Every structure is written in C-alpha cells, then in structure tokens.
Amino acid sequence: MDDDLHPDGAQDGREPRSGGANLLVFLALLPLDALVGGHAWLVVGMNGWAAAHNGEEATVPVTELVVSGGVPAAAGLALCWGRYWGAAVAQFALTAVLMAWLLSFQG
C-alpha cells in the first residue's frame, strides 16, 4: 500500500506545487517586492541626502532595512507554508540580494 494514500484511496495532497505554479506565485509577488524594495531604497537615499545636506557622515538606517526585509521574508515563509518551494527560494534570494545591496551603502 502506498504511504501517501488514505484507506479510501484519496491522496494526501502534500506534494510540492508545480514549476509553473511557483513561477506564477513568484511573479504575483513581484509588485509587493518592488514596493518594499522601493521604500527601503527611498529611506536609504533620503537618509544619505539629509546627512550630506547637513554636512554629516551618511549612515544606513539598519532598523528600517530590517523591517523592510522582514516583509518579503514573511512572504517567503508563507510560500513555504503553501508548499511553493521554488517561489520561496527565489523570494528569499531576492530579499537577501536587495538587503545586501542596500546595506553596502554603509560606506
């Protein structure tokens, strides 16, 4: 007897989603990623502009970047919960690259 079948013959339904479904879900989340990434980029830029305008050393607002990185990371966790493994990996990779790029402005 197959382990993923119930006694009545119905499947368990816990298999991962298809590649096409992962791609569609990831593409659907790109506007959210763009919104959060744009906000984080704006915060870094405004902070740098204000520091340059006041003659101070520019610093990166790490707390705001952590919060901005937490939103797509939470979306990635939700994708894991929904068994969209490929979309979750892409979401986490995109979040890591964006936050590393923004933190590189630390100078």
N, C-alpha and C. Protein backbone atom coordinates (compact mmCIF):
# COMPACT_ATOMS: atom_id res chain seq x y z
N MET A 1 0.84 -1.18 0.00
CA MET A 1 0.00 0.00 0.00
C MET A 1 0.89 1.24 0.00
N ASP A 2 0.50 2.23 -0.75
CA ASP A 2 1.26 3.47 -0.87
C ASP A 2 1.08 4.30 0.40
N ASP A 3 2.18 4.90 0.90
CA ASP A 3 2.11 5.66 2.14
C ASP A 3 1.32 6.96 2.02
N ASP A 4 1.26 7.55 0.82
CA ASP A 4 0.57 8.83 0.68
C ASP A 4 -0.90 8.67 0.33
N LEU A 5 -1.42 7.46 0.38
CA LEU A 5 -2.84 7.22 0.10
C LEU A 5 -3.58 6.92 1.39
N HIS A 6 -4.76 7.46 1.49
CA HIS A 6 -5.64 7.14 2.62
C HIS A 6 -6.31 5.80 2.35
N PRO A 7 -6.90 5.18 3.36
CA PRO A 7 -7.56 3.89 3.15
C PRO A 7 -8.67 3.95 2.08
N ASP A 8 -9.28 5.12 1.90
CA ASP A 8 -10.34 5.22 0.90
C ASP A 8 -9.80 5.49 -0.50
N GLY A 9 -8.46 5.58 -0.66
CA GLY A 9 -7.86 5.76 -1.97
C GLY A 9 -7.55 7.21 -2.33
N ALA A 10 -7.95 8.16 -1.50
CA ALA A 10 -7.67 9.58 -1.77
C ALA A 10 -6.22 9.89 -1.43
N GLN A 11 -5.61 10.76 -2.21
CA GLN A 11 -4.22 11.14 -1.95
C GLN A 11 -4.16 12.14 -0.81
N ASP A 12 -2.98 12.19 -0.18
CA ASP A 12 -2.77 13.08 0.96
C ASP A 12 -2.75 14.54 0.54
N GLY A 13 -2.22 14.86 -0.64
CA GLY A 13 -2.21 16.23 -1.14
C GLY A 13 -1.09 17.08 -0.58
N ARG A 14 -0.02 16.49 -0.08
CA ARG A 14 1.08 17.26 0.50
C ARG A 14 2.28 17.32 -0.45
N GLU A 15 2.12 17.01 -1.71
CA GLU A 15 3.24 17.10 -2.64
C GLU A 15 3.50 18.56 -3.00
N PRO A 16 4.74 18.90 -3.40
CA PRO A 16 5.05 20.28 -3.75
C PRO A 16 4.27 20.73 -4.99
N ARG A 17 4.18 22.03 -5.14
CA ARG A 17 3.47 22.60 -6.29
C ARG A 17 4.32 22.47 -7.54
N SER A 18 3.69 22.63 -8.71
CA SER A 18 4.40 22.51 -9.98
C SER A 18 5.28 23.74 -10.22
N GLY A 19 6.20 23.62 -11.17
CA GLY A 19 7.08 24.73 -11.50
C GLY A 19 6.33 25.93 -12.03
N GLY A 20 5.30 25.69 -12.84
CA GLY A 20 4.50 26.79 -13.37
C GLY A 20 3.77 27.54 -12.28
N ALA A 21 3.25 26.80 -11.31
CA ALA A 21 2.55 27.44 -10.20
C ALA A 21 3.52 28.27 -9.36
N ASN A 22 4.73 27.75 -9.15
CA ASN A 22 5.75 28.50 -8.42
C ASN A 22 6.10 29.80 -9.15
N LEU A 23 6.25 29.71 -10.46
CA LEU A 23 6.59 30.89 -11.24
C LEU A 23 5.48 31.93 -11.18
N LEU A 24 4.24 31.50 -11.30
CA LEU A 24 3.12 32.44 -11.26
C LEU A 24 3.01 33.11 -9.89
N VAL A 25 3.20 32.38 -8.84
CA VAL A 25 3.11 32.95 -7.49
C VAL A 25 4.25 33.93 -7.26
N PHE A 26 5.46 33.58 -7.71
CA PHE A 26 6.59 34.49 -7.56
C PHE A 26 6.36 35.77 -8.37
N LEU A 27 5.87 35.65 -9.59
CA LEU A 27 5.59 36.83 -10.41
C LEU A 27 4.47 37.68 -9.79
N ALA A 28 3.53 37.03 -9.15
CA ALA A 28 2.45 37.79 -8.50
C ALA A 28 2.97 38.58 -7.30
N LEU A 29 4.03 38.10 -6.67
CA LEU A 29 4.60 38.80 -5.51
C LEU A 29 5.60 39.88 -5.90
N LEU A 30 6.00 39.95 -7.16
CA LEU A 30 6.98 40.97 -7.55
C LEU A 30 6.52 42.40 -7.31
N PRO A 31 5.23 42.75 -7.52
CA PRO A 31 4.83 44.13 -7.17
C PRO A 31 5.02 44.45 -5.68
N LEU A 32 4.75 43.49 -4.80
CA LEU A 32 5.00 43.70 -3.37
C LEU A 32 6.49 43.88 -3.12
N ASP A 33 7.31 43.07 -3.77
CA ASP A 33 8.76 43.20 -3.61
C ASP A 33 9.25 44.54 -4.10
N ALA A 34 8.70 45.00 -5.22
CA ALA A 34 9.10 46.30 -5.77
C ALA A 34 8.68 47.43 -4.84
N LEU A 35 7.51 47.31 -4.26
CA LEU A 35 7.03 48.34 -3.33
C LEU A 35 7.91 48.41 -2.09
N VAL A 36 8.18 47.27 -1.49
CA VAL A 36 9.00 47.24 -0.28
C VAL A 36 10.44 47.62 -0.59
N GLY A 37 10.98 47.11 -1.70
CA GLY A 37 12.35 47.47 -2.09
C GLY A 37 12.47 48.94 -2.42
N GLY A 38 11.47 49.50 -3.07
CA GLY A 38 11.48 50.94 -3.38
C GLY A 38 11.43 51.78 -2.13
N HIS A 39 10.64 51.35 -1.16
CA HIS A 39 10.58 52.07 0.12
C HIS A 39 11.93 52.04 0.81
N ALA A 40 12.55 50.87 0.85
CA ALA A 40 13.85 50.76 1.51
C ALA A 40 14.90 51.61 0.79
N TRP A 41 14.88 51.60 -0.53
CA TRP A 41 15.82 52.39 -1.31
C TRP A 41 15.60 53.89 -1.06
N LEU A 42 14.33 54.28 -0.97
CA LEU A 42 14.00 55.67 -0.70
C LEU A 42 14.48 56.10 0.69
N VAL A 43 14.31 55.24 1.68
CA VAL A 43 14.76 55.55 3.04
C VAL A 43 16.28 55.73 3.06
N VAL A 44 17.00 54.83 2.39
CA VAL A 44 18.46 54.94 2.35
C VAL A 44 18.87 56.21 1.64
N GLY A 45 18.23 56.51 0.52
CA GLY A 45 18.56 57.71 -0.24
C GLY A 45 18.25 58.99 0.50
N MET A 46 17.10 59.04 1.16
CA MET A 46 16.72 60.24 1.91
C MET A 46 17.64 60.46 3.10
N ASN A 47 18.02 59.37 3.74
CA ASN A 47 18.93 59.49 4.87
C ASN A 47 20.30 59.98 4.41
N GLY A 48 20.78 59.46 3.29
CA GLY A 48 22.06 59.92 2.75
C GLY A 48 22.00 61.36 2.30
N TRP A 49 20.90 61.76 1.68
CA TRP A 49 20.74 63.14 1.25
C TRP A 49 20.71 64.08 2.44
N ALA A 50 19.96 63.72 3.49
CA ALA A 50 19.87 64.57 4.67
C ALA A 50 21.22 64.70 5.35
N ALA A 51 21.97 63.61 5.41
CA ALA A 51 23.29 63.67 6.04
C ALA A 51 24.23 64.56 5.22
N ALA A 52 24.19 64.44 3.90
CA ALA A 52 25.05 65.26 3.05
C ALA A 52 24.64 66.72 3.13
N HIS A 53 23.35 66.96 3.23
CA HIS A 53 22.85 68.34 3.32
C HIS A 53 23.27 69.01 4.62
N ASN A 54 23.35 68.22 5.68
CA ASN A 54 23.72 68.76 6.99
C ASN A 54 25.22 68.68 7.26
N GLY A 55 26.00 68.14 6.30
CA GLY A 55 27.44 68.02 6.47
C GLY A 55 27.85 66.91 7.41
N GLU A 56 27.00 65.92 7.60
CA GLU A 56 27.31 64.80 8.50
C GLU A 56 27.71 63.59 7.69
N GLU A 57 28.19 62.57 8.38
CA GLU A 57 28.52 61.29 7.75
C GLU A 57 27.24 60.51 7.51
N ALA A 58 27.06 60.01 6.30
CA ALA A 58 25.85 59.25 5.97
C ALA A 58 25.89 57.87 6.62
N THR A 59 24.78 57.47 7.23
CA THR A 59 24.65 56.15 7.82
C THR A 59 23.41 55.48 7.23
N VAL A 60 23.44 54.18 7.23
CA VAL A 60 22.31 53.41 6.72
C VAL A 60 21.37 53.12 7.88
N PRO A 61 20.07 53.38 7.70
CA PRO A 61 19.10 53.09 8.77
C PRO A 61 18.82 51.58 8.82
N VAL A 62 19.64 50.88 9.58
CA VAL A 62 19.58 49.42 9.62
C VAL A 62 18.23 48.94 10.15
N THR A 63 17.68 49.61 11.13
CA THR A 63 16.40 49.18 11.70
C THR A 63 15.30 49.21 10.64
N GLU A 64 15.24 50.26 9.86
CA GLU A 64 14.22 50.33 8.81
C GLU A 64 14.46 49.30 7.73
N LEU A 65 15.74 49.01 7.43
CA LEU A 65 16.03 47.99 6.43
C LEU A 65 15.66 46.59 6.92
N VAL A 66 15.84 46.35 8.21
CA VAL A 66 15.45 45.04 8.76
C VAL A 66 13.94 44.88 8.66
N VAL A 67 13.19 45.92 8.95
CA VAL A 67 11.73 45.85 8.84
C VAL A 67 11.33 45.68 7.38
N SER A 68 12.00 46.43 6.49
CA SER A 68 11.68 46.31 5.06
C SER A 68 12.06 44.94 4.53
N GLY A 69 13.10 44.34 5.03
CA GLY A 69 13.48 42.99 4.63
C GLY A 69 12.59 41.92 5.24
N GLY A 70 11.97 42.25 6.36
CA GLY A 70 11.09 41.29 7.02
C GLY A 70 9.80 41.03 6.26
N VAL A 71 9.33 42.01 5.51
CA VAL A 71 8.08 41.83 4.76
C VAL A 71 8.23 40.78 3.66
N PRO A 72 9.25 40.88 2.77
CA PRO A 72 9.39 39.81 1.78
C PRO A 72 9.82 38.48 2.40
N ALA A 73 10.54 38.53 3.52
CA ALA A 73 10.90 37.28 4.19
C ALA A 73 9.65 36.59 4.75
N ALA A 74 8.72 37.37 5.29
CA ALA A 74 7.45 36.79 5.76
C ALA A 74 6.65 36.22 4.60
N ALA A 75 6.71 36.89 3.46
CA ALA A 75 6.04 36.35 2.27
C ALA A 75 6.69 35.03 1.85
N GLY A 76 8.00 34.95 1.97
CA GLY A 76 8.70 33.69 1.68
C GLY A 76 8.30 32.57 2.63
N LEU A 77 8.13 32.90 3.89
CA LEU A 77 7.66 31.89 4.85
C LEU A 77 6.24 31.42 4.52
N ALA A 78 5.40 32.37 4.09
CA ALA A 78 4.04 31.99 3.69
C ALA A 78 4.08 31.08 2.46
N LEU A 79 5.01 31.33 1.56
CA LEU A 79 5.16 30.46 0.39
C LEU A 79 5.60 29.07 0.80
N CYS A 80 6.49 28.98 1.79
CA CYS A 80 6.90 27.66 2.31
C CYS A 80 5.71 26.92 2.89
N TRP A 81 4.88 27.66 3.61
CA TRP A 81 3.70 27.04 4.23
C TRP A 81 2.74 26.53 3.16
N GLY A 82 2.67 27.23 2.03
CA GLY A 82 1.81 26.82 0.93
C GLY A 82 2.46 25.82 -0.02
N ARG A 83 3.67 25.35 0.32
CA ARG A 83 4.41 24.37 -0.46
C ARG A 83 4.83 24.89 -1.84
N TYR A 84 5.05 26.18 -1.96
CA TYR A 84 5.61 26.76 -3.18
C TYR A 84 7.12 26.91 -2.94
N TRP A 85 7.84 25.78 -2.94
CA TRP A 85 9.24 25.77 -2.55
C TRP A 85 10.11 26.60 -3.49
N GLY A 86 9.90 26.47 -4.78
CA GLY A 86 10.70 27.22 -5.74
C GLY A 86 10.50 28.73 -5.61
N ALA A 87 9.26 29.15 -5.45
CA ALA A 87 8.97 30.57 -5.28
C ALA A 87 9.53 31.08 -3.95
N ALA A 88 9.51 30.26 -2.93
CA ALA A 88 10.05 30.67 -1.63
C ALA A 88 11.56 30.86 -1.71
N VAL A 89 12.25 29.96 -2.38
CA VAL A 89 13.71 30.10 -2.55
C VAL A 89 14.03 31.36 -3.32
N ALA A 90 13.29 31.62 -4.40
CA ALA A 90 13.51 32.84 -5.19
C ALA A 90 13.20 34.08 -4.36
N GLN A 91 12.17 34.02 -3.54
CA GLN A 91 11.80 35.16 -2.69
C GLN A 91 12.89 35.45 -1.67
N PHE A 92 13.41 34.41 -1.02
CA PHE A 92 14.47 34.60 -0.03
C PHE A 92 15.75 35.10 -0.70
N ALA A 93 16.07 34.59 -1.88
CA ALA A 93 17.27 35.04 -2.60
C ALA A 93 17.14 36.51 -3.00
N LEU A 94 15.97 36.89 -3.50
CA LEU A 94 15.74 38.28 -3.88
C LEU A 94 15.84 39.20 -2.67
N THR A 95 15.29 38.78 -1.55
CA THR A 95 15.37 39.57 -0.32
C THR A 95 16.81 39.72 0.14
N ALA A 96 17.57 38.64 0.12
CA ALA A 96 18.96 38.69 0.57
C ALA A 96 19.80 39.60 -0.33
N VAL A 97 19.59 39.52 -1.64
CA VAL A 97 20.35 40.37 -2.56
C VAL A 97 19.98 41.83 -2.36
N LEU A 98 18.71 42.13 -2.23
CA LEU A 98 18.27 43.51 -2.05
C LEU A 98 18.83 44.10 -0.75
N MET A 99 18.74 43.36 0.33
CA MET A 99 19.21 43.88 1.61
C MET A 99 20.73 44.01 1.63
N ALA A 100 21.44 43.08 1.01
CA ALA A 100 22.90 43.18 0.94
C ALA A 100 23.31 44.39 0.11
N TRP A 101 22.59 44.65 -0.98
CA TRP A 101 22.89 45.80 -1.81
C TRP A 101 22.63 47.11 -1.05
N LEU A 102 21.52 47.18 -0.35
CA LEU A 102 21.21 48.40 0.39
C LEU A 102 22.15 48.61 1.57
N LEU A 103 22.56 47.53 2.22
CA LEU A 103 23.49 47.66 3.33
C LEU A 103 24.91 47.99 2.86
N SER A 104 25.19 47.77 1.57
CA SER A 104 26.51 48.09 1.04
C SER A 104 26.75 49.59 0.99
N PHE A 105 25.71 50.39 1.11
CA PHE A 105 25.85 51.83 1.14
C PHE A 105 26.35 52.34 2.49
N GLN A 106 26.64 51.42 3.40
CA GLN A 106 27.10 51.77 4.75
C GLN A 106 28.36 52.62 4.70
N GLY A 107 29.21 52.35 3.71
CA GLY A 107 30.38 53.18 3.48
C GLY A 107 31.42 52.98 4.46
